[in-house]
Amino acid sequence: MRIAKVVGVTVSTIKDEKLQGRKLLVVRETDETGELYGKPMVAVDTLDAGVGELVLVAQGSAARQTSMTDKSPVDTVIMAIIDSLEVDGRVTFRKA
């Protein structure tokens, strides 16, 4: 799992039938302080996350292990919304 921030929304009216009805969000990885890095990725949202939220994403074959993404052409999935993050005894993020 990786920590990421939802930075945008993807709209696609023509897509694989297994992705019909699935919300696609743009995420970027963050470090433990919430600092963005890396290139944006599109992730299937299984939890109704929103722009600005800190989330956990799974990638590769692990992304196809949720009930919503099983046997789907998915490489990245949002599988948790982070409420708080503590690193080395210090809270680095707390959802407002």
C-alpha atoms as a PDB file:
ATOM      1  CA  MET A   1       0.000   0.000   0.000  1.00  0.00           C
ATOM      2  CA  ARG A   2       1.061   3.537  -0.691  1.00  0.00           C
ATOM      3  CA  ILE A   3      -0.028   6.882   0.724  1.00  0.00           C
ATOM      4  CA  ALA A   4      -1.533   9.176  -1.893  1.00  0.00           C
ATOM      5  CA  LYS A   5      -3.610  12.333  -2.168  1.00  0.00           C
ATOM      6  CA  VAL A   6      -6.623  12.664  -4.428  1.00  0.00           C
ATOM      7  CA  VAL A   7      -5.796  15.577  -6.732  1.00  0.00           C
ATOM      8  CA  GLY A   8      -8.447  15.313  -9.438  1.00  0.00           C
ATOM      9  CA  VAL A   9     -11.229  13.460 -11.219  1.00  0.00           C
ATOM     10  CA  THR A  10     -11.190  11.498 -14.473  1.00  0.00           C
ATOM     11  CA  VAL A  11     -14.294  11.354 -16.672  1.00  0.00           C
ATOM     12  CA  SER A  12     -14.491   8.585 -19.256  1.00  0.00           C
ATOM     13  CA  THR A  13     -17.753   7.723 -20.991  1.00  0.00           C
ATOM     14  CA  ILE A  14     -16.225   5.010 -23.187  1.00  0.00           C
ATOM     15  CA  LYS A  15     -14.335   2.345 -21.232  1.00  0.00           C
ATOM     16  CA  ASP A  16     -14.057  -1.365 -20.614  1.00  0.00           C
ATOM     17  CA  GLU A  17     -17.413  -2.801 -19.547  1.00  0.00           C
ATOM     18  CA  LYS A  18     -15.943  -3.960 -16.224  1.00  0.00           C
ATOM     19  CA  LEU A  19     -15.212  -0.313 -15.378  1.00  0.00           C
ATOM     20  CA  GLN A  20     -18.722   0.953 -16.145  1.00  0.00           C
ATOM     21  CA  GLY A  21     -20.155   2.763 -13.128  1.00  0.00           C
ATOM     22  CA  ARG A  22     -16.752   3.038 -11.429  1.00  0.00           C
ATOM     23  CA  LYS A  23     -15.473   6.417 -10.221  1.00  0.00           C
ATOM     24  CA  LEU A  24     -11.957   7.168 -11.451  1.00  0.00           C
ATOM     25  CA  LEU A  25      -9.823   9.623  -9.479  1.00  0.00           C
ATOM     26  CA  VAL A  26      -6.411  11.141 -10.104  1.00  0.00           C
ATOM     27  CA  VAL A  27      -3.989  10.521  -7.222  1.00  0.00           C
ATOM     28  CA  ARG A  28      -0.360  11.377  -6.506  1.00  0.00           C
ATOM     29  CA  GLU A  29       1.866   9.654  -4.009  1.00  0.00           C
ATOM     30  CA  THR A  30       2.849  11.596  -0.897  1.00  0.00           C
ATOM     31  CA  ASP A  31       5.484  11.176   1.741  1.00  0.00           C
ATOM     32  CA  GLU A  32       4.564  10.820   5.409  1.00  0.00           C
ATOM     33  CA  THR A  33       4.122  14.595   5.740  1.00  0.00           C
ATOM     34  CA  GLY A  34       1.713  14.849   2.795  1.00  0.00           C
ATOM     35  CA  GLU A  35       4.300  16.302   0.382  1.00  0.00           C
ATOM     36  CA  LEU A  36       3.344  15.285  -3.175  1.00  0.00           C
ATOM     37  CA  TYR A  37       5.846  13.572  -5.450  1.00  0.00           C
ATOM     38  CA  GLY A  38       5.836  11.428  -8.553  1.00  0.00           C
ATOM     39  CA  LYS A  39       3.530  11.410 -11.530  1.00  0.00           C
ATOM     40  CA  PRO A  40      -0.271  11.436 -11.258  1.00  0.00           C
ATOM     41  CA  MET A  41      -2.063   8.074 -11.536  1.00  0.00           C
ATOM     42  CA  VAL A  42      -5.680   7.178 -12.186  1.00  0.00           C
ATOM     43  CA  ALA A  43      -7.202   4.957  -9.498  1.00  0.00           C
ATOM     44  CA  VAL A  44     -10.541   3.197  -9.200  1.00  0.00           C
ATOM     45  CA  ASP A  45     -12.320   4.594  -6.146  1.00  0.00           C
ATOM     46  CA  THR A  46     -14.011   1.869  -4.088  1.00  0.00           C
ATOM     47  CA  LEU A  47     -14.920   4.134  -1.144  1.00  0.00           C
ATOM     48  CA  ASP A  48     -16.308   7.437  -2.468  1.00  0.00           C
ATOM     49  CA  ALA A  49     -13.153   9.414  -1.681  1.00  0.00           C
ATOM     50  CA  GLY A  50     -12.999  13.071  -2.636  1.00  0.00           C
ATOM     51  CA  VAL A  51     -10.483  15.554  -3.980  1.00  0.00           C
ATOM     52  CA  GLY A  52      -8.046  16.616  -1.253  1.00  0.00           C
ATOM     53  CA  GLU A  53      -8.348  13.428   0.810  1.00  0.00           C
ATOM     54  CA  LEU A  54      -5.350  11.371   1.860  1.00  0.00           C
ATOM     55  CA  VAL A  55      -5.866   7.725   0.878  1.00  0.00           C
ATOM     56  CA  LEU A  56      -4.155   4.353   0.720  1.00  0.00           C
ATOM     57  CA  VAL A  57      -3.793   2.838  -2.728  1.00  0.00           C
ATOM     58  CA  ALA A  58      -2.909  -0.670  -3.802  1.00  0.00           C
ATOM     59  CA  GLN A  59      -1.246  -1.289  -7.143  1.00  0.00           C
ATOM     60  CA  GLY A  60      -0.628  -4.151  -9.529  1.00  0.00           C
ATOM     61  CA  SER A  61      -2.290  -7.492  -8.840  1.00  0.00           C
ATOM     62  CA  ALA A  62      -3.254  -6.296  -5.346  1.00  0.00           C
ATOM     63  CA  ALA A  63      -5.496  -3.671  -6.982  1.00  0.00           C
ATOM     64  CA  ARG A  64      -7.651  -6.472  -8.381  1.00  0.00           C
ATOM     65  CA  GLN A  65      -8.317  -8.042  -4.969  1.00  0.00           C
ATOM     66  CA  THR A  66     -11.320  -5.925  -3.908  1.00  0.00           C
ATOM     67  CA  SER A  67     -14.867  -7.117  -4.526  1.00  0.00           C
ATOM     68  CA  MET A  68     -15.392  -4.133  -6.833  1.00  0.00           C
ATOM     69  CA  THR A  69     -12.255  -4.670  -8.950  1.00  0.00           C
ATOM     70  CA  ASP A  70     -12.030  -8.481  -9.106  1.00  0.00           C
ATOM     71  CA  LYS A  71     -11.101  -9.592 -12.648  1.00  0.00           C
ATOM     72  CA  SER A  72     -11.095  -5.981 -13.893  1.00  0.00           C
ATOM     73  CA  PRO A  73      -8.352  -4.245 -15.908  1.00  0.00           C
ATOM     74  CA  VAL A  74      -7.233  -2.190 -12.896  1.00  0.00           C
ATOM     75  CA  ASP A  75      -3.703  -1.259 -11.861  1.00  0.00           C
ATOM     76  CA  THR A  76      -4.409   1.184  -8.999  1.00  0.00           C
ATOM     77  CA  VAL A  77      -7.279   1.200  -6.506  1.00  0.00           C
ATOM     78  CA  ILE A  78      -8.200   3.430  -3.575  1.00  0.00           C
ATOM     79  CA  MET A  79      -8.808   0.985  -0.753  1.00  0.00           C
ATOM     80  CA  ALA A  80      -8.783   3.182   2.355  1.00  0.00           C
ATOM     81  CA  ILE A  81      -9.359   6.798   3.336  1.00  0.00           C
ATOM     82  CA  ILE A  82      -6.865   7.936   5.983  1.00  0.00           C
ATOM     83  CA  ASP A  83      -8.265   9.526   9.155  1.00  0.00           C
ATOM     84  CA  SER A  84      -4.890  10.148  10.770  1.00  0.00           C
ATOM     85  CA  LEU A  85      -1.264   9.315  10.197  1.00  0.00           C
ATOM     86  CA  GLU A  86       1.352   8.984  12.935  1.00  0.00           C
ATOM     87  CA  VAL A  87       5.052   8.543  12.153  1.00  0.00           C
ATOM     88  CA  ASP A  88       7.775   8.182  14.793  1.00  0.00           C
ATOM     89  CA  GLY A  89       5.324   9.167  17.535  1.00  0.00           C
ATOM     90  CA  ARG A  90       4.308  12.382  15.770  1.00  0.00           C
ATOM     91  CA  VAL A  91       0.933  12.928  14.121  1.00  0.00           C
ATOM     92  CA  THR A  92       1.715  14.129  10.593  1.00  0.00           C
ATOM     93  CA  PHE A  93      -1.870  14.163   9.320  1.00  0.00           C
ATOM     94  CA  ARG A  94      -5.324  14.330  10.866  1.00  0.00           C
ATOM     95  CA  LYS A  95      -8.486  14.540   8.796  1.00  0.00           C
ATOM     96  CA  ALA A  96     -10.399  17.732   9.497  1.00  0.00           C
END
